[in-house]
Amino acid sequence: MVINMVTLTGGFNFRATKSSSFATLRLAPSLYLPHAWQIGMQVVYFTQNAPTRQAYGKPVYTSISVNKQLGRHLNIGIDWHDIFDGVNHEALINRHAANIKLQYRF
């Protein structure tokens, strides 16, 4: 879906096995700003039996990214993974991280 400068992407996965079933729901809105700036977010919800939820001890993963296109080939940006993991003291493993990226497209 595109409304002027906004996109919303989503997805739903369901898996059923003999022992259990689980689902994930993903929403990823993006905002396209003037001067080739883009802000994006991703939110993923894991149901109770999802292996990711069992491994990390929490039902939601979130990330945010800010990107800037420089010319036709160069893109720079920063991704902040698991935004709320830094304040979630009940998480079994901390996945909280920021990554800086530099991308050149031929």
PDB file of N, CA and C in Angstrom:
ATOM      1  N   MET A   1       0.852  -1.162   0.000  1.00  0.00           N
ATOM      2  CA  MET A   1       0.000   0.000   0.000  1.00  0.00           C
ATOM      3  C   MET A   1       0.907   1.237   0.000  1.00  0.00           C
ATOM      4  N   VAL A   2       0.622   2.200  -0.847  1.00  0.00           N
ATOM      5  CA  VAL A   2       1.374   3.442  -0.894  1.00  0.00           C
ATOM      6  C   VAL A   2       0.400   4.614  -0.807  1.00  0.00           C
ATOM      7  N   ILE A   3       0.615   5.489   0.159  1.00  0.00           N
ATOM      8  CA  ILE A   3      -0.172   6.706   0.303  1.00  0.00           C
ATOM      9  C   ILE A   3       0.822   7.846   0.329  1.00  0.00           C
ATOM     10  N   ASN A   4       0.937   8.568  -0.791  1.00  0.00           N
ATOM     11  CA  ASN A   4       1.921   9.634  -0.930  1.00  0.00           C
ATOM     12  C   ASN A   4       3.316   9.125  -0.597  1.00  0.00           C
ATOM     13  N   MET A   5       3.788   9.350   0.608  1.00  0.00           N
ATOM     14  CA  MET A   5       5.154   8.995   0.965  1.00  0.00           C
ATOM     15  C   MET A   5       5.224   7.862   1.982  1.00  0.00           C
ATOM     16  N   VAL A   6       4.138   7.138   2.179  1.00  0.00           N
ATOM     17  CA  VAL A   6       4.086   6.100   3.206  1.00  0.00           C
ATOM     18  C   VAL A   6       3.792   4.747   2.561  1.00  0.00           C
ATOM     19  N   THR A   7       4.520   3.726   3.000  1.00  0.00           N
ATOM     20  CA  THR A   7       4.199   2.356   2.592  1.00  0.00           C
ATOM     21  C   THR A   7       3.990   1.511   3.837  1.00  0.00           C
ATOM     22  N   LEU A   8       3.169   0.491   3.702  1.00  0.00           N
ATOM     23  CA  LEU A   8       2.948  -0.457   4.791  1.00  0.00           C
ATOM     24  C   LEU A   8       3.003  -1.857   4.204  1.00  0.00           C
ATOM     25  N   THR A   9       3.950  -2.626   4.698  1.00  0.00           N
ATOM     26  CA  THR A   9       4.109  -4.012   4.283  1.00  0.00           C
ATOM     27  C   THR A   9       3.816  -4.886   5.488  1.00  0.00           C
ATOM     28  N   GLY A  10       3.205  -6.021   5.252  1.00  0.00           N
ATOM     29  CA  GLY A  10       2.900  -6.915   6.358  1.00  0.00           C
ATOM     30  C   GLY A  10       2.916  -8.357   5.910  1.00  0.00           C
ATOM     31  N   GLY A  11       2.918  -9.227   6.874  1.00  0.00           N
ATOM     32  CA  GLY A  11       2.903 -10.648   6.567  1.00  0.00           C
ATOM     33  C   GLY A  11       2.467 -11.459   7.767  1.00  0.00           C
ATOM     34  N   PHE A  12       1.986 -12.660   7.484  1.00  0.00           N
ATOM     35  CA  PHE A  12       1.524 -13.575   8.516  1.00  0.00           C
ATOM     36  C   PHE A  12       1.999 -14.964   8.143  1.00  0.00           C
ATOM     37  N   ASN A  13       2.634 -15.646   9.078  1.00  0.00           N
ATOM     38  CA  ASN A  13       3.073 -17.030   8.868  1.00  0.00           C
ATOM     39  C   ASN A  13       2.440 -17.907   9.932  1.00  0.00           C
ATOM     40  N   PHE A  14       1.988 -19.077   9.517  1.00  0.00           N
ATOM     41  CA  PHE A  14       1.434 -20.050  10.455  1.00  0.00           C
ATOM     42  C   PHE A  14       2.069 -21.397  10.161  1.00  0.00           C
ATOM     43  N   ARG A  15       2.487 -22.074  11.220  1.00  0.00           N
ATOM     44  CA  ARG A  15       3.083 -23.397  11.054  1.00  0.00           C
ATOM     45  C   ARG A  15       2.464 -24.349  12.054  1.00  0.00           C
ATOM     46  N   ALA A  16       2.035 -25.479  11.555  1.00  0.00           N
ATOM     47  CA  ALA A  16       1.447 -26.511  12.411  1.00  0.00           C
ATOM     48  C   ALA A  16       2.248 -27.800  12.248  1.00  0.00           C
ATOM     49  N   THR A  17       2.672 -28.370  13.368  1.00  0.00           N
ATOM     50  CA  THR A  17       3.361 -29.655  13.374  1.00  0.00           C
ATOM     51  C   THR A  17       2.586 -30.608  14.279  1.00  0.00           C
ATOM     52  N   LYS A  18       3.039 -31.821  14.374  1.00  0.00           N
ATOM     53  CA  LYS A  18       2.365 -32.783  15.249  1.00  0.00           C
ATOM     54  C   LYS A  18       2.432 -32.373  16.714  1.00  0.00           C
ATOM     55  N   SER A  19       3.534 -31.729  17.094  1.00  0.00           N
ATOM     56  CA  SER A  19       3.729 -31.380  18.502  1.00  0.00           C
ATOM     57  C   SER A  19       3.173 -30.014  18.889  1.00  0.00           C
ATOM     58  N   SER A  20       3.142 -29.058  17.966  1.00  0.00           N
ATOM     59  CA  SER A  20       2.644 -27.722  18.320  1.00  0.00           C
ATOM     60  C   SER A  20       2.349 -26.917  17.061  1.00  0.00           C
ATOM     61  N   SER A  21       1.821 -25.747  17.275  1.00  0.00           N
ATOM     62  CA  SER A  21       1.609 -24.807  16.178  1.00  0.00           C
ATOM     63  C   SER A  21       1.945 -23.409  16.682  1.00  0.00           C
ATOM     64  N   PHE A  22       2.364 -22.559  15.749  1.00  0.00           N
ATOM     65  CA  PHE A  22       2.699 -21.187  16.123  1.00  0.00           C
ATOM     66  C   PHE A  22       2.527 -20.288  14.911  1.00  0.00           C
ATOM     67  N   ALA A  23       2.522 -18.992  15.176  1.00  0.00           N
ATOM     68  CA  ALA A  23       2.369 -18.012  14.114  1.00  0.00           C
ATOM     69  C   ALA A  23       3.262 -16.805  14.398  1.00  0.00           C
ATOM     70  N   THR A  24       3.557 -16.070  13.345  1.00  0.00           N
ATOM     71  CA  THR A  24       4.234 -14.783  13.457  1.00  0.00           C
ATOM     72  C   THR A  24       3.472 -13.779  12.613  1.00  0.00           C
ATOM     73  N   LEU A  25       3.445 -12.555  13.082  1.00  0.00           N
ATOM     74  CA  LEU A  25       2.790 -11.463  12.376  1.00  0.00           C
ATOM     75  C   LEU A  25       3.799 -10.327  12.245  1.00  0.00           C
ATOM     76  N   ARG A  26       3.991  -9.809  11.024  1.00  0.00           N
ATOM     77  CA  ARG A  26       4.984  -8.774  10.781  1.00  0.00           C
ATOM     78  C   ARG A  26       4.337  -7.575  10.114  1.00  0.00           C
ATOM     79  N   LEU A  27       4.636  -6.380  10.626  1.00  0.00           N
ATOM     80  CA  LEU A  27       4.225  -5.116  10.018  1.00  0.00           C
ATOM     81  C   LEU A  27       5.474  -4.262   9.824  1.00  0.00           C
ATOM     82  N   ALA A  28       5.581  -3.626   8.658  1.00  0.00           N
ATOM     83  CA  ALA A  28       6.768  -2.826   8.359  1.00  0.00           C
ATOM     84  C   ALA A  28       6.370  -1.546   7.619  1.00  0.00           C
ATOM     85  N   PRO A  29       6.057  -0.492   8.364  1.00  0.00           N
ATOM     86  CA  PRO A  29       5.775   0.784   7.708  1.00  0.00           C
ATOM     87  C   PRO A  29       7.065   1.509   7.333  1.00  0.00           C
ATOM     88  N   SER A  30       7.016   2.289   6.249  1.00  0.00           N
ATOM     89  CA  SER A  30       8.138   3.118   5.824  1.00  0.00           C
ATOM     90  C   SER A  30       7.627   4.498   5.465  1.00  0.00           C
ATOM     91  N   LEU A  31       8.447   5.490   5.741  1.00  0.00           N
ATOM     92  CA  LEU A  31       8.132   6.873   5.426  1.00  0.00           C
ATOM     93  C   LEU A  31       9.240   7.408   4.529  1.00  0.00           C
ATOM     94  N   TYR A  32       8.851   7.891   3.353  1.00  0.00           N
ATOM     95  CA  TYR A  32       9.806   8.435   2.394  1.00  0.00           C
ATOM     96  C   TYR A  32       9.746   9.953   2.469  1.00  0.00           C
ATOM     97  N   LEU A  33      10.855  10.557   2.850  1.00  0.00           N
ATOM     98  CA  LEU A  33      10.929  11.991   3.090  1.00  0.00           C
ATOM     99  C   LEU A  33      11.658  12.701   1.943  1.00  0.00           C
ATOM    100  N   PRO A  34      11.544  14.024   1.891  1.00  0.00           N
ATOM    101  CA  PRO A  34      12.279  14.779   0.866  1.00  0.00           C
ATOM    102  C   PRO A  34      13.791  14.573   0.989  1.00  0.00           C
ATOM    103  N   HIS A  35      14.486  14.855  -0.092  1.00  0.00           N
ATOM    104  CA  HIS A  35      15.953  14.779  -0.162  1.00  0.00           C
ATOM    105  C   HIS A  35      16.453  13.346   0.021  1.00  0.00           C
ATOM    106  N   ALA A  36      15.648  12.366  -0.413  1.00  0.00           N
ATOM    107  CA  ALA A  36      16.025  10.944  -0.438  1.00  0.00           C
ATOM    108  C   ALA A  36      16.278  10.346   0.947  1.00  0.00           C
ATOM    109  N   TRP A  37      15.558  10.799   1.953  1.00  0.00           N
ATOM    110  CA  TRP A  37      15.606  10.204   3.287  1.00  0.00           C
ATOM    111  C   TRP A  37      14.477   9.191   3.410  1.00  0.00           C
ATOM    112  N   GLN A  38      14.727   8.126   4.156  1.00  0.00           N
ATOM    113  CA  GLN A  38      13.706   7.111   4.412  1.00  0.00           C
ATOM    114  C   GLN A  38      13.809   6.660   5.863  1.00  0.00           C
ATOM    115  N   ILE A  39      12.653   6.551   6.520  1.00  0.00           N
ATOM    116  CA  ILE A  39      12.585   6.013   7.880  1.00  0.00           C
ATOM    117  C   ILE A  39      11.676   4.791   7.834  1.00  0.00           C
ATOM    118  N   GLY A  40      12.158   3.682   8.344  1.00  0.00           N
ATOM    119  CA  GLY A  40      11.381   2.452   8.334  1.00  0.00           C
ATOM    120  C   GLY A  40      11.358   1.813   9.708  1.00  0.00           C
ATOM    121  N   MET A  41      10.333   1.030   9.937  1.00  0.00           N
ATOM    122  CA  MET A  41      10.194   0.312  11.197  1.00  0.00           C
ATOM    123  C   MET A  41       9.700  -1.088  10.897  1.00  0.00           C
ATOM    124  N   GLN A  42      10.050  -2.008  11.738  1.00  0.00           N
ATOM    125  CA  GLN A  42       9.557  -3.373  11.613  1.00  0.00           C
ATOM    126  C   GLN A  42       9.138  -3.858  12.994  1.00  0.00           C
ATOM    127  N   VAL A  43       7.966  -4.458  13.070  1.00  0.00           N
ATOM    128  CA  VAL A  43       7.466  -5.043  14.305  1.00  0.00           C
ATOM    129  C   VAL A  43       7.042  -6.476  13.982  1.00  0.00           C
ATOM    130  N   VAL A  44       7.568  -7.427  14.728  1.00  0.00           N
ATOM    131  CA  VAL A  44       7.222  -8.836  14.536  1.00  0.00           C
ATOM    132  C   VAL A  44       6.697  -9.385  15.851  1.00  0.00           C
ATOM    133  N   TYR A  45       5.509  -9.983  15.800  1.00  0.00           N
ATOM    134  CA  TYR A  45       4.910 -10.616  16.983  1.00  0.00           C
ATOM    135  C   TYR A  45       5.000 -12.127  16.829  1.00  0.00           C
ATOM    136  N   PHE A  46       5.448 -12.800  17.880  1.00  0.00           N
ATOM    137  CA  PHE A  46       5.579 -14.257  17.897  1.00  0.00           C
ATOM    138  C   PHE A  46       4.574 -14.837  18.895  1.00  0.00           C
ATOM    139  N   THR A  47       3.797 -15.822  18.483  1.00  0.00           N
ATOM    140  CA  THR A  47       2.849 -16.449  19.403  1.00  0.00           C
ATOM    141  C   THR A  47       3.602 -17.324  20.410  1.00  0.00           C
ATOM    142  N   GLN A  48       2.866 -17.845  21.366  1.00  0.00           N
ATOM    143  CA  GLN A  48       3.437 -18.545  22.520  1.00  0.00           C
ATOM    144  C   GLN A  48       4.419 -19.660  22.151  1.00  0.00           C
ATOM    145  N   ASN A  49       4.118 -20.494  21.178  1.00  0.00           N
ATOM    146  CA  ASN A  49       4.960 -21.648  20.861  1.00  0.00           C
ATOM    147  C   ASN A  49       6.008 -21.375  19.786  1.00  0.00           C
ATOM    148  N   ALA A  50       6.140 -20.149  19.344  1.00  0.00           N
ATOM    149  CA  ALA A  50       7.128 -19.825  18.312  1.00  0.00           C
ATOM    150  C   ALA A  50       8.541 -20.050  18.853  1.00  0.00           C
ATOM    151  N   PRO A  51       9.394 -20.736  18.099  1.00  0.00           N
ATOM    152  CA  PRO A  51      10.755 -21.003  18.572  1.00  0.00           C
ATOM    153  C   PRO A  51      11.536 -19.731  18.917  1.00  0.00           C
ATOM    154  N   THR A  52      11.345 -18.658  18.163  1.00  0.00           N
ATOM    155  CA  THR A  52      12.049 -17.408  18.460  1.00  0.00           C
ATOM    156  C   THR A  52      11.622 -16.859  19.807  1.00  0.00           C
ATOM    157  N   ARG A  53      10.336 -16.918  20.103  1.00  0.00           N
ATOM    158  CA  ARG A  53       9.852 -16.443  21.411  1.00  0.00           C
ATOM    159  C   ARG A  53      10.394 -17.309  22.532  1.00  0.00           C
ATOM    160  N   GLN A  54      10.438 -18.605  22.327  1.00  0.00           N
ATOM    161  CA  GLN A  54      10.959 -19.504  23.360  1.00  0.00           C
ATOM    162  C   GLN A  54      12.461 -19.296  23.556  1.00  0.00           C
ATOM    163  N   ALA A  55      13.187 -19.020  22.481  1.00  0.00           N
ATOM    164  CA  ALA A  55      14.636 -18.846  22.587  1.00  0.00           C
ATOM    165  C   ALA A  55      15.018 -17.530  23.266  1.00  0.00           C
ATOM    166  N   TYR A  56      14.271 -16.457  22.969  1.00  0.00           N
ATOM    167  CA  TYR A  56      14.647 -15.141  23.476  1.00  0.00           C
ATOM    168  C   TYR A  56      13.784 -14.653  24.626  1.00  0.00           C
ATOM    169  N   GLY A  57      12.677 -15.334  24.906  1.00  0.00           N
ATOM    170  CA  GLY A  57      11.880 -15.013  26.073  1.00  0.00           C
ATOM    171  C   GLY A  57      10.965 -13.820  25.946  1.00  0.00           C
ATOM    172  N   LYS A  58      10.695 -13.363  24.733  1.00  0.00           N
ATOM    173  CA  LYS A  58       9.780 -12.236  24.585  1.00  0.00           C
ATOM    174  C   LYS A  58       8.972 -12.361  23.296  1.00  0.00           C
ATOM    175  N   PRO A  59       7.781 -11.777  23.279  1.00  0.00           N
ATOM    176  CA  PRO A  59       6.875 -11.980  22.147  1.00  0.00           C
ATOM    177  C   PRO A  59       7.044 -11.012  20.985  1.00  0.00           C
ATOM    178  N   VAL A  60       7.792  -9.917  21.141  1.00  0.00           N
ATOM    179  CA  VAL A  60       7.845  -8.894  20.102  1.00  0.00           C
ATOM    180  C   VAL A  60       9.288  -8.511  19.778  1.00  0.00           C
ATOM    181  N   TYR A  61       9.569  -8.409  18.496  1.00  0.00           N
ATOM    182  CA  TYR A  61      10.850  -7.887  18.006  1.00  0.00           C
ATOM    183  C   TYR A  61      10.542  -6.578  17.276  1.00  0.00           C
ATOM    184  N   THR A  62      11.330  -5.540  17.516  1.00  0.00           N
ATOM    185  CA  THR A  62      11.145  -4.262  16.841  1.00  0.00           C
ATOM    186  C   THR A  62      12.487  -3.744  16.329  1.00  0.00           C
ATOM    187  N   SER A  63      12.431  -3.047  15.218  1.00  0.00           N
ATOM    188  CA  SER A  63      13.632  -2.384  14.707  1.00  0.00           C
ATOM    189  C   SER A  63      13.209  -1.120  13.974  1.00  0.00           C
ATOM    190  N   ILE A  64      14.148  -0.200  13.872  1.00  0.00           N
ATOM    191  CA  ILE A  64      13.919   1.040  13.148  1.00  0.00           C
ATOM    192  C   ILE A  64      15.163   1.322  12.322  1.00  0.00           C
ATOM    193  N   SER A  65      14.957   1.917  11.151  1.00  0.00           N
ATOM    194  CA  SER A  65      16.101   2.250  10.299  1.00  0.00           C
ATOM    195  C   SER A  65      15.909   3.642   9.697  1.00  0.00           C
ATOM    196  N   VAL A  66      17.024   4.311   9.514  1.00  0.00           N
ATOM    197  CA  VAL A  66      17.049   5.614   8.858  1.00  0.00           C
ATOM    198  C   VAL A  66      18.076   5.509   7.735  1.00  0.00           C
ATOM    199  N   ASN A  67      17.668   5.869   6.515  1.00  0.00           N
ATOM    200  CA  ASN A  67      18.536   5.756   5.355  1.00  0.00           C
ATOM    201  C   ASN A  67      18.546   7.054   4.566  1.00  0.00           C
ATOM    202  N   LYS A  68      19.669   7.289   3.902  1.00  0.00           N
ATOM    203  CA  LYS A  68      19.817   8.457   3.035  1.00  0.00           C
ATOM    204  C   LYS A  68      20.459   7.990   1.739  1.00  0.00           C
ATOM    205  N   GLN A  69      19.790   8.251   0.634  1.00  0.00           N
ATOM    206  CA  GLN A  69      20.336   7.922  -0.684  1.00  0.00           C
ATOM    207  C   GLN A  69      21.197   9.091  -1.160  1.00  0.00           C
ATOM    208  N   LEU A  70      22.438   8.806  -1.543  1.00  0.00           N
ATOM    209  CA  LEU A  70      23.369   9.825  -2.040  1.00  0.00           C
ATOM    210  C   LEU A  70      23.657   9.516  -3.502  1.00  0.00           C
ATOM    211  N   GLY A  71      23.038  10.245  -4.385  1.00  0.00           N
ATOM    212  CA  GLY A  71      23.218   9.978  -5.813  1.00  0.00           C
ATOM    213  C   GLY A  71      22.491   8.708  -6.227  1.00  0.00           C
ATOM    214  N   ARG A  72      22.938   8.120  -7.325  1.00  0.00           N
ATOM    215  CA  ARG A  72      22.266   6.921  -7.856  1.00  0.00           C
ATOM    216  C   ARG A  72      22.746   5.626  -7.220  1.00  0.00           C
ATOM    217  N   HIS A  73      23.957   5.626  -6.687  1.00  0.00           N
ATOM    218  CA  HIS A  73      24.567   4.361  -6.291  1.00  0.00           C
ATOM    219  C   HIS A  73      24.823   4.191  -4.793  1.00  0.00           C
ATOM    220  N   LEU A  74      24.933   5.263  -4.044  1.00  0.00           N
ATOM    221  CA  LEU A  74      25.380   5.179  -2.658  1.00  0.00           C
ATOM    222  C   LEU A  74      24.227   5.388  -1.680  1.00  0.00           C
ATOM    223  N   ASN A  75      24.152   4.509  -0.686  1.00  0.00           N
ATOM    224  CA  ASN A  75      23.137   4.591   0.360  1.00  0.00           C
ATOM    225  C   ASN A  75      23.839   4.444   1.707  1.00  0.00           C
ATOM    226  N   ILE A  76      23.525   5.336   2.656  1.00  0.00           N
ATOM    227  CA  ILE A  76      24.054   5.219   4.005  1.00  0.00           C
ATOM    228  C   ILE A  76      22.880   5.132   4.971  1.00  0.00           C
ATOM    229  N   GLY A  77      23.108   4.529   6.113  1.00  0.00           N
ATOM    230  CA  GLY A  77      22.015   4.423   7.062  1.00  0.00           C
ATOM    231  C   GLY A  77      22.440   3.828   8.388  1.00  0.00           C
ATOM    232  N   ILE A  78      21.476   3.767   9.272  1.00  0.00           N
ATOM    233  CA  ILE A  78      21.676   3.146  10.583  1.00  0.00           C
ATOM    234  C   ILE A  78      20.439   2.326  10.904  1.00  0.00           C
ATOM    235  N   ASP A  79      20.648   1.141  11.439  1.00  0.00           N
ATOM    236  CA  ASP A  79      19.572   0.248  11.883  1.00  0.00           C
ATOM    237  C   ASP A  79      19.700   0.065  13.385  1.00  0.00           C
ATOM    238  N   TRP A  80      18.599   0.174  14.078  1.00  0.00           N
ATOM    239  CA  TRP A  80      18.560  -0.061  15.521  1.00  0.00           C
ATOM    240  C   TRP A  80      17.688  -1.288  15.739  1.00  0.00           C
ATOM    241  N   HIS A  81      18.309  -2.395  16.104  1.00  0.00           N
ATOM    242  CA  HIS A  81      17.615  -3.667  16.273  1.00  0.00           C
ATOM    243  C   HIS A  81      17.150  -3.859  17.709  1.00  0.00           C
ATOM    244  N   ASP A  82      16.007  -4.442  17.830  1.00  0.00           N
ATOM    245  CA  ASP A  82      15.392  -4.772  19.118  1.00  0.00           C
ATOM    246  C   ASP A  82      15.389  -3.572  20.055  1.00  0.00           C
ATOM    247  N   ILE A  83      14.645  -2.581  19.659  1.00  0.00           N
ATOM    248  CA  ILE A  83      14.582  -1.297  20.356  1.00  0.00           C
ATOM    249  C   ILE A  83      14.309  -1.456  21.847  1.00  0.00           C
ATOM    250  N   PHE A  84      13.359  -2.282  22.211  1.00  0.00           N
ATOM    251  CA  PHE A  84      12.944  -2.389  23.600  1.00  0.00           C
ATOM    252  C   PHE A  84      13.725  -3.428  24.392  1.00  0.00           C
ATOM    253  N   ASP A  85      14.627  -4.147  23.738  1.00  0.00           N
ATOM    254  CA  ASP A  85      15.399  -5.179  24.431  1.00  0.00           C
ATOM    255  C   ASP A  85      16.333  -4.577  25.473  1.00  0.00           C
ATOM    256  N   GLY A  86      16.803  -3.360  25.252  1.00  0.00           N
ATOM    257  CA  GLY A  86      17.700  -2.714  26.205  1.00  0.00           C
ATOM    258  C   GLY A  86      17.040  -2.399  27.531  1.00  0.00           C
ATOM    259  N   VAL A  87      15.707  -2.261  27.530  1.00  0.00           N
ATOM    260  CA  VAL A  87      14.981  -1.957  28.766  1.00  0.00           C
ATOM    261  C   VAL A  87      14.214  -3.166  29.292  1.00  0.00           C
ATOM    262  N   ASN A  88      14.265  -4.281  28.560  1.00  0.00           N
ATOM    263  CA  ASN A  88      13.565  -5.489  28.971  1.00  0.00           C
ATOM    264  C   ASN A  88      14.526  -6.383  29.748  1.00  0.00           C
ATOM    265  N   HIS A  89      14.458  -6.323  31.061  1.00  0.00           N
ATOM    266  CA  HIS A  89      15.391  -7.085  31.892  1.00  0.00           C
ATOM    267  C   HIS A  89      14.998  -8.552  32.035  1.00  0.00           C
ATOM    268  N   GLU A  90      13.829  -8.933  31.500  1.00  0.00           N
ATOM    269  CA  GLU A  90      13.391 -10.318  31.575  1.00  0.00           C
ATOM    270  C   GLU A  90      13.835 -11.123  30.359  1.00  0.00           C
ATOM    271  N   ALA A  91      14.396 -10.467  29.342  1.00  0.00           N
ATOM    272  CA  ALA A  91      14.846 -11.168  28.148  1.00  0.00           C
ATOM    273  C   ALA A  91      15.999 -12.108  28.494  1.00  0.00           C
ATOM    274  N   LEU A  92      15.969 -13.307  27.928  1.00  0.00           N
ATOM    275  CA  LEU A  92      17.011 -14.286  28.197  1.00  0.00           C
ATOM    276  C   LEU A  92      18.313 -13.925  27.489  1.00  0.00           C
ATOM    277  N   ILE A  93      18.211 -13.375  26.277  1.00  0.00           N
ATOM    278  CA  ILE A  93      19.373 -12.974  25.491  1.00  0.00           C
ATOM    279  C   ILE A  93      19.115 -11.561  24.992  1.00  0.00           C
ATOM    280  N   ASN A  94      20.084 -10.696  25.124  1.00  0.00           N
ATOM    281  CA  ASN A  94      19.924  -9.315  24.683  1.00  0.00           C
ATOM    282  C   ASN A  94      20.362  -9.184  23.229  1.00  0.00           C
ATOM    283  N   ARG A  95      19.426  -8.813  22.342  1.00  0.00           N
ATOM    284  CA  ARG A  95      19.724  -8.632  20.921  1.00  0.00           C
ATOM    285  C   ARG A  95      19.766  -7.160  20.541  1.00  0.00           C
ATOM    286  N   HIS A  96      19.788  -6.282  21.503  1.00  0.00           N
ATOM    287  CA  HIS A  96      19.775  -4.843  21.307  1.00  0.00           C
ATOM    288  C   HIS A  96      21.070  -4.412  20.623  1.00  0.00           C
ATOM    289  N   ALA A  97      20.970  -3.784  19.434  1.00  0.00           N
ATOM    290  CA  ALA A  97      22.178  -3.383  18.714  1.00  0.00           C
ATOM    291  C   ALA A  97      21.863  -2.301  17.694  1.00  0.00           C
ATOM    292  N   ALA A  98      22.871  -1.511  17.374  1.00  0.00           N
ATOM    293  CA  ALA A  98      22.773  -0.531  16.291  1.00  0.00           C
ATOM    294  C   ALA A  98      23.848  -0.854  15.264  1.00  0.00           C
ATOM    295  N   ASN A  99      23.477  -0.821  14.000  1.00  0.00           N
ATOM    296  CA  ASN A  99      24.408  -1.104  12.914  1.00  0.00           C
ATOM    297  C   ASN A  99      24.426   0.073  11.948  1.00  0.00           C
ATOM    298  N   ILE A 100      25.607   0.491  11.580  1.00  0.00           N
ATOM    299  CA  ILE A 100      25.762   1.535  10.576  1.00  0.00           C
ATOM    300  C   ILE A 100      26.042   0.843   9.248  1.00  0.00           C
ATOM    301  N   LYS A 101      25.403   1.325   8.190  1.00  0.00           N
ATOM    302  CA  LYS A 101      25.602   0.655   6.909  1.00  0.00           C
ATOM    303  C   LYS A 101      25.992   1.643   5.818  1.00  0.00           C
ATOM    304  N   LEU A 102      26.777   1.156   4.912  1.00  0.00           N
ATOM    305  CA  LEU A 102      27.204   1.870   3.731  1.00  0.00           C
ATOM    306  C   LEU A 102      27.023   0.906   2.574  1.00  0.00           C
ATOM    307  N   GLN A 103      26.201   1.286   1.612  1.00  0.00           N
ATOM    308  CA  GLN A 103      25.868   0.377   0.515  1.00  0.00           C
ATOM    309  C   GLN A 103      26.121   1.070  -0.819  1.00  0.00           C
ATOM    310  N   TYR A 104      26.839   0.378  -1.684  1.00  0.00           N
ATOM    311  CA  TYR A 104      27.063   0.880  -3.047  1.00  0.00           C
ATOM    312  C   TYR A 104      26.400  -0.079  -4.019  1.00  0.00           C
ATOM    313  N   ARG A 105      25.519   0.433  -4.846  1.00  0.00           N
ATOM    314  CA  ARG A 105      24.806  -0.385  -5.837  1.00  0.00           C
ATOM    315  C   ARG A 105      25.373  -0.080  -7.224  1.00  0.00           C
ATOM    316  N   PHE A 106      25.783  -1.101  -7.905  1.00  0.00           N
ATOM    317  CA  PHE A 106      26.360  -0.945  -9.252  1.00  0.00           C
ATOM    318  C   PHE A 106      25.297  -0.663 -10.275  1.00  0.00           C
TER     319      PHE A 106
END
